[in-house]
Structures are given as structure tokens and as C-alpha cells.
């Protein structure tokens, strides 16, 4: 398992009864988590001193209950600064477990630039959300293209870039349906040295295009491999979809990427350490390809 254990401003304090207790900077939140199927005792005092609690409804969805929580605040990860705010369906605007992947590909980018200081590394981030991966790639020295179907999420990512002192970095910000964008890039002949994607289990494009992970992902991967350069650097796919276990991601990447470019594939769960007991909370899976 790849564990995001380099955070200072975020931690999972404890988990129990379908929920996780988290510290986001100075604030404590309780949010539901489907992986937490155990009913362990809630021994630490922070369970009773929270700033926000997302209550899931038996009818689907849910709502927040707040206790002295600001509408927006910031946390840092290394040199990056992220704006947070609680919004629909329990989210805060950041998936902290992804830091495990940010560190991985940032190291690859930096090592490549050490070997070839004048090299331009073009990274494409698809389903890019609020820009954690985009900003990590940019801070490592890459030229990033950030694509998301939500105008609001792209705007949020730009705010994070400004707060991270990356407002003048070479980042292209695009509001677009990711499949249609990739299809246009194929026709244009544009290529990228690395591709990152964090596709949702289910979603809609800006014009109502339906995305369902199990039905769309293989075809989407077939398309994205066509816009890799002849000597790509890395390829990353993340999944929160239950049926797409690490071995499934590895199988697809081996079939579509290794068959064309060689290299190696690793796939594993990603997770967050739990402070109260030293255990790890699983948070989805990732498949990684590198040329070496």
C-alpha cells in the first residue's frame, strides 16, 4: 500500500462506526467513510470537540452540521497551499491521500530534469478537480495542462495556484469534457510526456455527457495512450470505484501502455495513517507506469 504520510496540516485521528475523524489544519471534521465497517471505541477526546459533522441520509446524500467552522480556510502540503471549504456530498476540496502520488511523480519529474536541465516535460492532468496533482507537477518543474468539466473546480484550482505562488507557472487551465479533449488532441497531433487521471465513478460533462467508470475507462485509456510522446515519462490512474481493484488497473495499463512503450507497472491501494492506533485507512487504488 502507498501511504500519504508526509502531511503536517492534515491527519486522520481516528475511525469508527462508518466515520472518520480528521484534522484539517486547526479544524476537526467528522465525515462518513464506506471503508470504516468497524465499531471500535471512540477513546480520544477530539470526537467531542469537532467543528463540522457531515451526516449521511438514509435516502442518499446528506448535510453538514457546523460548530464554529469558517466558510473557507487553508492548509499546506510542502510548498503548496490549498483552499478548503465544505461543500456538497461531504467533500472539502481536497483528497489528501493523493499526496502519495504527488510525491511519486514529483520525484520522477525532478530526476528527469536533473539529467536533462533543458528538457520540457509536458504533463496532462485529466479530471483534475482542484489541482493538487497539477500544482505538484508544476512545482516539480513540469508544464501542466489541467482539464476538468467543472468551471467551478477549475476556478478553485486557479486560487490554489495563486496561494501556492504558481500563478505565473506554465499551466493551461481548461474547462472541458475529458474524452472530447483527448479526441481533439489526437486530431491535432499534440502529445504529452506524462498523463495523470483521477476519473470519477460517475459524472457528467459540461454538456450533460455521461461518464460511468466501468463502461468508459478502457476506451478512454485507449485514447489517452495515443497522445503520449514516443518516449513518455510516466502514466498514473487513480480509482475510487470499488470494482476497479489494483490488479484491474495493472491489467489495463499493461495491455495499453506496456505493450507500446515497455517500462514497468505497479498498482496498489493508497491510504492514510490513523494517528490513534497506527493503522492505515484504505482510500482507493492507483496504477502507475514508468518508463524505467
C-alpha atoms as a PDB file:
ATOM      1  CA  UNK A   1       0.000   0.000   0.000  1.00  0.00           C
ATOM      2  CA  UNK A   2       1.165   3.536  -0.787  1.00  0.00           C
ATOM      3  CA  UNK A   3       0.625   5.736   2.252  1.00  0.00           C
ATOM      4  CA  UNK A   4       0.336   9.533   2.296  1.00  0.00           C
ATOM      5  CA  UNK A   5       2.332  10.028   5.489  1.00  0.00           C
ATOM      6  CA  UNK A   6       4.124  13.338   4.829  1.00  0.00           C
ATOM      7  CA  UNK A   7       1.330  15.674   5.927  1.00  0.00           C
ATOM      8  CA  UNK A   8       1.685  18.219   8.737  1.00  0.00           C
ATOM      9  CA  UNK A   9      -1.622  20.078   8.245  1.00  0.00           C
ATOM     10  CA  UNK A  10      -3.838  17.013   7.839  1.00  0.00           C
ATOM     11  CA  UNK A  11      -4.347  13.753   9.710  1.00  0.00           C
ATOM     12  CA  UNK A  12      -6.895  11.042  10.292  1.00  0.00           C
ATOM     13  CA  UNK A  13      -7.173  10.999  14.058  1.00  0.00           C
ATOM     14  CA  UNK A  14      -9.499   8.019  14.428  1.00  0.00           C
ATOM     15  CA  UNK A  15     -12.164   5.945  12.663  1.00  0.00           C
ATOM     16  CA  UNK A  16     -15.281   4.177  13.927  1.00  0.00           C
ATOM     17  CA  UNK A  17     -18.902   3.355  13.075  1.00  0.00           C
ATOM     18  CA  UNK A  18     -18.755   4.329   9.430  1.00  0.00           C
ATOM     19  CA  UNK A  19     -16.989   7.653  10.057  1.00  0.00           C
ATOM     20  CA  UNK A  20     -13.520   9.171  10.166  1.00  0.00           C
ATOM     21  CA  UNK A  21     -12.358  11.960  12.473  1.00  0.00           C
ATOM     22  CA  UNK A  22      -9.957  14.263  10.641  1.00  0.00           C
ATOM     23  CA  UNK A  23      -7.846  17.305  11.429  1.00  0.00           C
ATOM     24  CA  UNK A  24      -7.685  19.821   8.591  1.00  0.00           C
ATOM     25  CA  UNK A  25      -5.255  22.430   9.851  1.00  0.00           C
ATOM     26  CA  UNK A  26      -6.852  23.880  13.010  1.00  0.00           C
ATOM     27  CA  UNK A  27     -10.274  22.309  12.442  1.00  0.00           C
ATOM     28  CA  UNK A  28     -11.758  18.914  13.230  1.00  0.00           C
ATOM     29  CA  UNK A  29     -14.301  17.265  10.937  1.00  0.00           C
ATOM     30  CA  UNK A  30     -16.254  14.033  11.070  1.00  0.00           C
ATOM     31  CA  UNK A  31     -17.145  12.603   7.672  1.00  0.00           C
ATOM     32  CA  UNK A  32     -18.623   9.270   6.579  1.00  0.00           C
ATOM     33  CA  UNK A  33     -16.351   6.678   5.011  1.00  0.00           C
ATOM     34  CA  UNK A  34     -17.665   3.439   3.468  1.00  0.00           C
ATOM     35  CA  UNK A  35     -14.447   1.587   4.315  1.00  0.00           C
ATOM     36  CA  UNK A  36     -14.977   2.070   8.060  1.00  0.00           C
ATOM     37  CA  UNK A  37     -17.078  -1.013   8.823  1.00  0.00           C
ATOM     38  CA  UNK A  38     -15.770  -1.456  12.384  1.00  0.00           C
ATOM     39  CA  UNK A  39     -17.303  -0.139  15.619  1.00  0.00           C
ATOM     40  CA  UNK A  40     -14.208   0.469  17.705  1.00  0.00           C
ATOM     41  CA  UNK A  41     -14.434   2.560  20.925  1.00  0.00           C
ATOM     42  CA  UNK A  42     -14.119   6.322  20.416  1.00  0.00           C
ATOM     43  CA  UNK A  43     -11.489   6.844  23.091  1.00  0.00           C
ATOM     44  CA  UNK A  44      -9.843  10.108  22.033  1.00  0.00           C
ATOM     45  CA  UNK A  45     -11.345  13.379  23.241  1.00  0.00           C
ATOM     46  CA  UNK A  46     -11.359  15.029  19.799  1.00  0.00           C
ATOM     47  CA  UNK A  47     -14.550  13.160  18.863  1.00  0.00           C
ATOM     48  CA  UNK A  48     -16.361  15.559  21.232  1.00  0.00           C
ATOM     49  CA  UNK A  49     -14.670  18.780  20.060  1.00  0.00           C
ATOM     50  CA  UNK A  50     -15.430  18.922  16.351  1.00  0.00           C
ATOM     51  CA  UNK A  51     -16.017  21.903  14.047  1.00  0.00           C
ATOM     52  CA  UNK A  52     -18.096  20.105  11.437  1.00  0.00           C
ATOM     53  CA  UNK A  53     -20.018  16.849  11.013  1.00  0.00           C
ATOM     54  CA  UNK A  54     -21.393  15.524   7.747  1.00  0.00           C
ATOM     55  CA  UNK A  55     -24.490  13.417   8.438  1.00  0.00           C
ATOM     56  CA  UNK A  56     -25.337  10.942   5.723  1.00  0.00           C
ATOM     57  CA  UNK A  57     -29.033  10.467   4.955  1.00  0.00           C
ATOM     58  CA  UNK A  58     -30.587   7.025   4.627  1.00  0.00           C
ATOM     59  CA  UNK A  59     -32.258   8.371   1.470  1.00  0.00           C
ATOM     60  CA  UNK A  60     -28.914   9.283  -0.109  1.00  0.00           C
ATOM     61  CA  UNK A  61     -26.761  12.382   0.187  1.00  0.00           C
ATOM     62  CA  UNK A  62     -26.710  14.191   3.491  1.00  0.00           C
ATOM     63  CA  UNK A  63     -25.948  17.534   5.094  1.00  0.00           C
ATOM     64  CA  UNK A  64     -23.330  19.339   7.137  1.00  0.00           C
ATOM     65  CA  UNK A  65     -23.700  20.439  10.753  1.00  0.00           C
ATOM     66  CA  UNK A  66     -21.209  23.149  11.718  1.00  0.00           C
ATOM     67  CA  UNK A  67     -19.703  24.189  15.043  1.00  0.00           C
ATOM     68  CA  UNK A  68     -17.565  27.316  14.690  1.00  0.00           C
ATOM     69  CA  UNK A  69     -16.137  26.399  11.289  1.00  0.00           C
ATOM     70  CA  UNK A  70     -15.183  29.182   8.833  1.00  0.00           C
ATOM     71  CA  UNK A  71     -16.641  29.163   5.337  1.00  0.00           C
ATOM     72  CA  UNK A  72     -13.148  28.742   3.948  1.00  0.00           C
ATOM     73  CA  UNK A  73      -9.645  28.091   5.289  1.00  0.00           C
ATOM     74  CA  UNK A  74      -6.244  26.938   4.045  1.00  0.00           C
ATOM     75  CA  UNK A  75      -3.823  24.107   4.640  1.00  0.00           C
ATOM     76  CA  UNK A  76      -0.364  23.435   3.263  1.00  0.00           C
ATOM     77  CA  UNK A  77       1.434  20.426   1.814  1.00  0.00           C
ATOM     78  CA  UNK A  78       5.132  21.150   1.460  1.00  0.00           C
ATOM     79  CA  UNK A  79       5.276  24.244  -0.806  1.00  0.00           C
ATOM     80  CA  UNK A  80       1.617  24.023  -1.869  1.00  0.00           C
ATOM     81  CA  UNK A  81      -1.345  25.828  -0.301  1.00  0.00           C
ATOM     82  CA  UNK A  82      -4.930  24.620  -0.705  1.00  0.00           C
ATOM     83  CA  UNK A  83      -8.203  26.455  -0.080  1.00  0.00           C
ATOM     84  CA  UNK A  84     -10.751  24.288   1.713  1.00  0.00           C
ATOM     85  CA  UNK A  85     -14.478  24.645   2.151  1.00  0.00           C
ATOM     86  CA  UNK A  86     -17.135  22.054   2.931  1.00  0.00           C
ATOM     87  CA  UNK A  87     -19.499  21.527   0.044  1.00  0.00           C
ATOM     88  CA  UNK A  88     -21.992  19.043  -1.346  1.00  0.00           C
ATOM     89  CA  UNK A  89     -21.636  15.352  -0.590  1.00  0.00           C
ATOM     90  CA  UNK A  90     -19.122  15.588   2.263  1.00  0.00           C
ATOM     91  CA  UNK A  91     -16.143  16.919   0.295  1.00  0.00           C
ATOM     92  CA  UNK A  92     -13.763  19.713   1.324  1.00  0.00           C
ATOM     93  CA  UNK A  93     -11.984  20.323  -1.993  1.00  0.00           C
ATOM     94  CA  UNK A  94      -9.002  18.039  -1.478  1.00  0.00           C
ATOM     95  CA  UNK A  95      -8.207  14.316  -1.393  1.00  0.00           C
ATOM     96  CA  UNK A  96      -5.208  14.189   0.968  1.00  0.00           C
ATOM     97  CA  UNK A  97      -4.382  10.544   0.228  1.00  0.00           C
ATOM     98  CA  UNK A  98      -3.335  11.666  -3.255  1.00  0.00           C
ATOM     99  CA  UNK A  99      -0.194  13.170  -1.724  1.00  0.00           C
ATOM    100  CA  UNK A 100       1.299   9.673  -2.033  1.00  0.00           C
ATOM    101  CA  UNK A 101       1.001  10.016  -5.801  1.00  0.00           C
ATOM    102  CA  UNK A 102       2.108  13.670  -5.844  1.00  0.00           C
ATOM    103  CA  UNK A 103       5.376  12.717  -4.161  1.00  0.00           C
ATOM    104  CA  UNK A 104       5.915   9.802  -6.537  1.00  0.00           C
ATOM    105  CA  UNK A 105       5.591  11.680  -9.815  1.00  0.00           C
ATOM    106  CA  UNK A 106       7.231  14.862  -8.486  1.00  0.00           C
ATOM    107  CA  UNK A 107      10.358  12.806  -7.842  1.00  0.00           C
ATOM    108  CA  UNK A 108      10.244  11.412 -11.392  1.00  0.00           C
ATOM    109  CA  UNK A 109       9.927  14.901 -12.887  1.00  0.00           C
ATOM    110  CA  UNK A 110      12.746  16.324 -10.776  1.00  0.00           C
ATOM    111  CA  UNK A 111      15.072  13.409 -11.581  1.00  0.00           C
ATOM    112  CA  UNK A 112      14.380  13.759 -15.299  1.00  0.00           C
ATOM    113  CA  UNK A 113      15.156  17.485 -15.181  1.00  0.00           C
ATOM    114  CA  UNK A 114      18.366  16.847 -13.254  1.00  0.00           C
ATOM    115  CA  UNK A 115      19.520  14.577 -16.075  1.00  0.00           C
ATOM    116  CA  UNK A 116      18.324  16.982 -18.807  1.00  0.00           C
ATOM    117  CA  UNK A 117      18.030  20.513 -17.369  1.00  0.00           C
ATOM    118  CA  UNK A 118      16.822  21.992 -20.673  1.00  0.00           C
ATOM    119  CA  UNK A 119      14.103  19.405 -21.200  1.00  0.00           C
ATOM    120  CA  UNK A 120      10.455  20.493 -21.355  1.00  0.00           C
ATOM    121  CA  UNK A 121       8.198  17.988 -19.580  1.00  0.00           C
ATOM    122  CA  UNK A 122       4.540  18.293 -20.556  1.00  0.00           C
ATOM    123  CA  UNK A 123       2.100  16.777 -18.061  1.00  0.00           C
ATOM    124  CA  UNK A 124      -1.631  16.358 -18.714  1.00  0.00           C
ATOM    125  CA  UNK A 125      -3.940  16.128 -15.695  1.00  0.00           C
ATOM    126  CA  UNK A 126      -7.428  14.844 -16.560  1.00  0.00           C
ATOM    127  CA  UNK A 127     -10.446  15.050 -14.218  1.00  0.00           C
ATOM    128  CA  UNK A 128      -8.129  17.462 -12.447  1.00  0.00           C
ATOM    129  CA  UNK A 129     -10.513  18.711  -9.704  1.00  0.00           C
ATOM    130  CA  UNK A 130      -8.975  21.473  -7.551  1.00  0.00           C
ATOM    131  CA  UNK A 131      -5.467  20.973  -8.861  1.00  0.00           C
ATOM    132  CA  UNK A 132      -3.461  19.026  -6.299  1.00  0.00           C
ATOM    133  CA  UNK A 133      -1.709  16.952  -8.962  1.00  0.00           C
ATOM    134  CA  UNK A 134      -1.460  19.893 -11.373  1.00  0.00           C
ATOM    135  CA  UNK A 135       0.281  22.080  -8.810  1.00  0.00           C
ATOM    136  CA  UNK A 136       2.559  19.253  -7.664  1.00  0.00           C
ATOM    137  CA  UNK A 137       3.703  18.624 -11.237  1.00  0.00           C
ATOM    138  CA  UNK A 138       4.173  22.343 -11.832  1.00  0.00           C
ATOM    139  CA  UNK A 139       6.148  22.830  -8.608  1.00  0.00           C
ATOM    140  CA  UNK A 140       8.420  19.962  -9.680  1.00  0.00           C
ATOM    141  CA  UNK A 141       9.218  21.812 -12.912  1.00  0.00           C
ATOM    142  CA  UNK A 142       6.747  20.488 -15.489  1.00  0.00           C
ATOM    143  CA  UNK A 143       4.485  22.363 -17.882  1.00  0.00           C
ATOM    144  CA  UNK A 144       0.981  21.285 -16.875  1.00  0.00           C
ATOM    145  CA  UNK A 145      -2.360  21.119 -18.675  1.00  0.00           C
ATOM    146  CA  UNK A 146      -5.293  20.986 -16.256  1.00  0.00           C
ATOM    147  CA  UNK A 147      -8.625  19.692 -17.631  1.00  0.00           C
ATOM    148  CA  UNK A 148     -11.899  19.395 -15.714  1.00  0.00           C
ATOM    149  CA  UNK A 149     -15.537  19.582 -16.805  1.00  0.00           C
ATOM    150  CA  UNK A 150     -16.483  21.855 -13.890  1.00  0.00           C
ATOM    151  CA  UNK A 151     -15.833  25.570 -14.302  1.00  0.00           C
ATOM    152  CA  UNK A 152     -16.072  25.979 -10.541  1.00  0.00           C
ATOM    153  CA  UNK A 153     -13.392  23.357  -9.888  1.00  0.00           C
ATOM    154  CA  UNK A 154     -11.024  24.927 -12.411  1.00  0.00           C
ATOM    155  CA  UNK A 155     -11.557  28.311 -10.767  1.00  0.00           C
ATOM    156  CA  UNK A 156     -10.835  26.763  -7.375  1.00  0.00           C
ATOM    157  CA  UNK A 157      -7.631  25.205  -8.755  1.00  0.00           C
ATOM    158  CA  UNK A 158      -6.503  28.608 -10.008  1.00  0.00           C
ATOM    159  CA  UNK A 159      -6.993  30.029  -6.499  1.00  0.00           C
ATOM    160  CA  UNK A 160      -4.820  27.242  -5.137  1.00  0.00           C
ATOM    161  CA  UNK A 161      -2.173  28.080  -7.743  1.00  0.00           C
ATOM    162  CA  UNK A 162      -2.125  31.724  -6.661  1.00  0.00           C
ATOM    163  CA  UNK A 163      -1.804  30.765  -2.976  1.00  0.00           C
ATOM    164  CA  UNK A 164       0.984  28.313  -3.879  1.00  0.00           C
ATOM    165  CA  UNK A 165       2.972  31.045  -5.696  1.00  0.00           C
ATOM    166  CA  UNK A 166       2.362  29.310  -9.014  1.00  0.00           C
ATOM    167  CA  UNK A 167       0.147  31.962 -10.646  1.00  0.00           C
ATOM    168  CA  UNK A 168       2.810  32.611 -13.298  1.00  0.00           C
ATOM    169  CA  UNK A 169       3.762  28.968 -13.794  1.00  0.00           C
ATOM    170  CA  UNK A 170       3.210  27.452 -17.264  1.00  0.00           C
ATOM    171  CA  UNK A 171      -0.200  25.898 -16.586  1.00  0.00           C
ATOM    172  CA  UNK A 172      -3.044  25.667 -19.111  1.00  0.00           C
ATOM    173  CA  UNK A 173      -6.458  25.765 -17.419  1.00  0.00           C
ATOM    174  CA  UNK A 174      -9.249  24.154 -19.460  1.00  0.00           C
ATOM    175  CA  UNK A 175     -12.942  23.582 -18.746  1.00  0.00           C
ATOM    176  CA  UNK A 176     -13.779  20.663 -20.994  1.00  0.00           C
ATOM    177  CA  UNK A 177     -15.134  17.132 -21.217  1.00  0.00           C
ATOM    178  CA  UNK A 178     -12.015  14.995 -20.805  1.00  0.00           C
ATOM    179  CA  UNK A 179     -12.853  12.430 -23.503  1.00  0.00           C
ATOM    180  CA  UNK A 180     -13.659  15.099 -26.074  1.00  0.00           C
ATOM    181  CA  UNK A 181     -10.495  16.988 -25.171  1.00  0.00           C
ATOM    182  CA  UNK A 182      -8.366  13.865 -25.688  1.00  0.00           C
ATOM    183  CA  UNK A 183     -10.073  13.156 -29.018  1.00  0.00           C
ATOM    184  CA  UNK A 184      -9.270  16.680 -30.200  1.00  0.00           C
ATOM    185  CA  UNK A 185      -5.659  16.360 -29.059  1.00  0.00           C
ATOM    186  CA  UNK A 186      -5.353  13.165 -31.138  1.00  0.00           C
ATOM    187  CA  UNK A 187      -6.601  15.022 -34.217  1.00  0.00           C
ATOM    188  CA  UNK A 188      -4.269  17.952 -33.517  1.00  0.00           C
ATOM    189  CA  UNK A 189      -1.264  15.702 -33.066  1.00  0.00           C
ATOM    190  CA  UNK A 190      -0.492  17.084 -29.605  1.00  0.00           C
ATOM    191  CA  UNK A 191       1.403  14.807 -27.222  1.00  0.00           C
ATOM    192  CA  UNK A 192       2.397  14.700 -23.556  1.00  0.00           C
ATOM    193  CA  UNK A 193       5.318  13.229 -21.653  1.00  0.00           C
ATOM    194  CA  UNK A 194       3.095  12.145 -18.777  1.00  0.00           C
ATOM    195  CA  UNK A 195      -0.609  11.704 -18.082  1.00  0.00           C
ATOM    196  CA  UNK A 196      -2.375  11.797 -14.723  1.00  0.00           C
ATOM    197  CA  UNK A 197      -6.046  10.963 -14.313  1.00  0.00           C
ATOM    198  CA  UNK A 198      -8.434  10.696 -11.383  1.00  0.00           C
ATOM    199  CA  UNK A 199     -11.722   9.779 -13.060  1.00  0.00           C
ATOM    200  CA  UNK A 200     -14.953   9.742 -11.042  1.00  0.00           C
ATOM    201  CA  UNK A 201     -17.058   6.627 -10.648  1.00  0.00           C
ATOM    202  CA  UNK A 202     -19.903   8.571 -12.227  1.00  0.00           C
ATOM    203  CA  UNK A 203     -20.152  12.041 -13.651  1.00  0.00           C
ATOM    204  CA  UNK A 204     -21.410  14.381 -16.333  1.00  0.00           C
ATOM    205  CA  UNK A 205     -19.578  16.634 -18.750  1.00  0.00           C
ATOM    206  CA  UNK A 206     -20.367  20.347 -19.247  1.00  0.00           C
ATOM    207  CA  UNK A 207     -22.995  19.457 -21.879  1.00  0.00           C
ATOM    208  CA  UNK A 208     -24.513  16.535 -19.994  1.00  0.00           C
ATOM    209  CA  UNK A 209     -22.139  13.855 -21.267  1.00  0.00           C
ATOM    210  CA  UNK A 210     -22.468  10.773 -19.049  1.00  0.00           C
ATOM    211  CA  UNK A 211     -19.353   9.130 -17.609  1.00  0.00           C
ATOM    212  CA  UNK A 212     -19.588   5.741 -15.902  1.00  0.00           C
ATOM    213  CA  UNK A 213     -16.200   4.393 -14.901  1.00  0.00           C
ATOM    214  CA  UNK A 214     -16.715   0.688 -15.620  1.00  0.00           C
ATOM    215  CA  UNK A 215     -18.206   1.366 -19.044  1.00  0.00           C
ATOM    216  CA  UNK A 216     -15.876   4.139 -20.204  1.00  0.00           C
ATOM    217  CA  UNK A 217     -12.437   3.696 -18.689  1.00  0.00           C
ATOM    218  CA  UNK A 218     -10.868   1.161 -21.058  1.00  0.00           C
ATOM    219  CA  UNK A 219     -11.862   3.077 -24.172  1.00  0.00           C
ATOM    220  CA  UNK A 220     -10.673   6.275 -22.522  1.00  0.00           C
ATOM    221  CA  UNK A 221      -7.289   4.729 -21.742  1.00  0.00           C
ATOM    222  CA  UNK A 222      -7.006   3.541 -25.348  1.00  0.00           C
ATOM    223  CA  UNK A 223      -7.435   7.134 -26.477  1.00  0.00           C
ATOM    224  CA  UNK A 224      -5.058   8.662 -23.936  1.00  0.00           C
ATOM    225  CA  UNK A 225      -2.190   6.358 -24.881  1.00  0.00           C
ATOM    226  CA  UNK A 226      -2.368   7.887 -28.362  1.00  0.00           C
ATOM    227  CA  UNK A 227      -1.326  11.304 -27.037  1.00  0.00           C
ATOM    228  CA  UNK A 228       1.765  10.114 -25.204  1.00  0.00           C
ATOM    229  CA  UNK A 229       5.113  11.109 -26.685  1.00  0.00           C
ATOM    230  CA  UNK A 230       7.263   8.335 -28.218  1.00  0.00           C
ATOM    231  CA  UNK A 231       9.323   8.257 -25.008  1.00  0.00           C
ATOM    232  CA  UNK A 232       6.882   9.074 -22.192  1.00  0.00           C
ATOM    233  CA  UNK A 233       7.920   9.533 -18.590  1.00  0.00           C
ATOM    234  CA  UNK A 234       5.017   8.200 -16.513  1.00  0.00           C
ATOM    235  CA  UNK A 235       1.308   7.364 -16.537  1.00  0.00           C
ATOM    236  CA  UNK A 236      -0.967   7.412 -13.478  1.00  0.00           C
ATOM    237  CA  UNK A 237      -4.584   6.430 -12.976  1.00  0.00           C
ATOM    238  CA  UNK A 238      -6.402   6.650  -9.674  1.00  0.00           C
ATOM    239  CA  UNK A 239      -9.703   4.969  -8.849  1.00  0.00           C
ATOM    240  CA  UNK A 240     -12.253   5.137  -6.055  1.00  0.00           C
ATOM    241  CA  UNK A 241     -14.578   2.734  -7.890  1.00  0.00           C
ATOM    242  CA  UNK A 242     -14.989  -0.428  -5.802  1.00  0.00           C
ATOM    243  CA  UNK A 243     -14.805  -2.877  -8.699  1.00  0.00           C
ATOM    244  CA  UNK A 244     -11.564  -1.470 -10.084  1.00  0.00           C
ATOM    245  CA  UNK A 245      -9.059  -3.092  -7.777  1.00  0.00           C
ATOM    246  CA  UNK A 246      -5.304  -2.555  -8.202  1.00  0.00           C
ATOM    247  CA  UNK A 247      -4.919  -5.695 -10.304  1.00  0.00           C
ATOM    248  CA  UNK A 248      -7.573  -4.410 -12.734  1.00  0.00           C
ATOM    249  CA  UNK A 249      -5.702  -1.128 -13.137  1.00  0.00           C
ATOM    250  CA  UNK A 250      -2.433  -3.009 -13.631  1.00  0.00           C
ATOM    251  CA  UNK A 251      -4.013  -5.256 -16.254  1.00  0.00           C
ATOM    252  CA  UNK A 252      -5.313  -2.302 -18.291  1.00  0.00           C
ATOM    253  CA  UNK A 253      -2.039  -0.385 -18.101  1.00  0.00           C
ATOM    254  CA  UNK A 254      -0.029  -3.456 -19.083  1.00  0.00           C
ATOM    255  CA  UNK A 255      -2.340  -4.075 -22.030  1.00  0.00           C
ATOM    256  CA  UNK A 256      -2.364  -0.499 -23.329  1.00  0.00           C
ATOM    257  CA  UNK A 257       0.848   1.181 -22.175  1.00  0.00           C
ATOM    258  CA  UNK A 258       3.473  -1.518 -21.657  1.00  0.00           C
ATOM    259  CA  UNK A 259       2.525  -3.139 -24.968  1.00  0.00           C
ATOM    260  CA  UNK A 260       3.516   0.095 -26.746  1.00  0.00           C
ATOM    261  CA  UNK A 261       6.268   1.600 -24.625  1.00  0.00           C
ATOM    262  CA  UNK A 262       7.699  -1.157 -22.436  1.00  0.00           C
ATOM    263  CA  UNK A 263       8.505   0.020 -18.923  1.00  0.00           C
ATOM    264  CA  UNK A 264       7.019  -1.275 -15.711  1.00  0.00           C
ATOM    265  CA  UNK A 265       3.686  -1.169 -13.892  1.00  0.00           C
ATOM    266  CA  UNK A 266       2.937  -1.036 -10.179  1.00  0.00           C
ATOM    267  CA  UNK A 267      -0.554  -0.978  -8.715  1.00  0.00           C
ATOM    268  CA  UNK A 268      -1.654  -0.807  -5.115  1.00  0.00           C
ATOM    269  CA  UNK A 269      -4.152   0.594  -2.662  1.00  0.00           C
ATOM    270  CA  UNK A 270      -3.448   4.089  -1.368  1.00  0.00           C
ATOM    271  CA  UNK A 271      -4.121   5.011   2.224  1.00  0.00           C
ATOM    272  CA  UNK A 272      -3.835   7.421   5.131  1.00  0.00           C
ATOM    273  CA  UNK A 273      -2.280   6.630   8.524  1.00  0.00           C
ATOM    274  CA  UNK A 274      -4.616   6.729  11.530  1.00  0.00           C
ATOM    275  CA  UNK A 275      -2.959   8.566  14.421  1.00  0.00           C
ATOM    276  CA  UNK A 276      -4.840   6.915  17.285  1.00  0.00           C
ATOM    277  CA  UNK A 277      -3.786   3.353  16.534  1.00  0.00           C
ATOM    278  CA  UNK A 278      -1.020   3.304  13.906  1.00  0.00           C
ATOM    279  CA  UNK A 279      -3.224   1.507  11.383  1.00  0.00           C
ATOM    280  CA  UNK A 280      -3.981   2.616   7.815  1.00  0.00           C
ATOM    281  CA  UNK A 281      -7.300   3.672   6.299  1.00  0.00           C
ATOM    282  CA  UNK A 282      -7.595   2.491   2.654  1.00  0.00           C
ATOM    283  CA  UNK A 283      -8.646   5.223   0.223  1.00  0.00           C
ATOM    284  CA  UNK A 284      -8.901   3.721  -3.240  1.00  0.00           C
ATOM    285  CA  UNK A 285      -6.303   2.371  -5.629  1.00  0.00           C
ATOM    286  CA  UNK A 286      -3.723   3.635  -8.091  1.00  0.00           C
ATOM    287  CA  UNK A 287      -1.979   2.194 -11.111  1.00  0.00           C
ATOM    288  CA  UNK A 288       1.428   3.628 -12.012  1.00  0.00           C
ATOM    289  CA  UNK A 289       3.564   3.155 -15.111  1.00  0.00           C
ATOM    290  CA  UNK A 290       7.118   4.376 -15.546  1.00  0.00           C
ATOM    291  CA  UNK A 291       9.462   4.106 -18.485  1.00  0.00           C
ATOM    292  CA  UNK A 292      12.293   2.717 -16.354  1.00  0.00           C
END
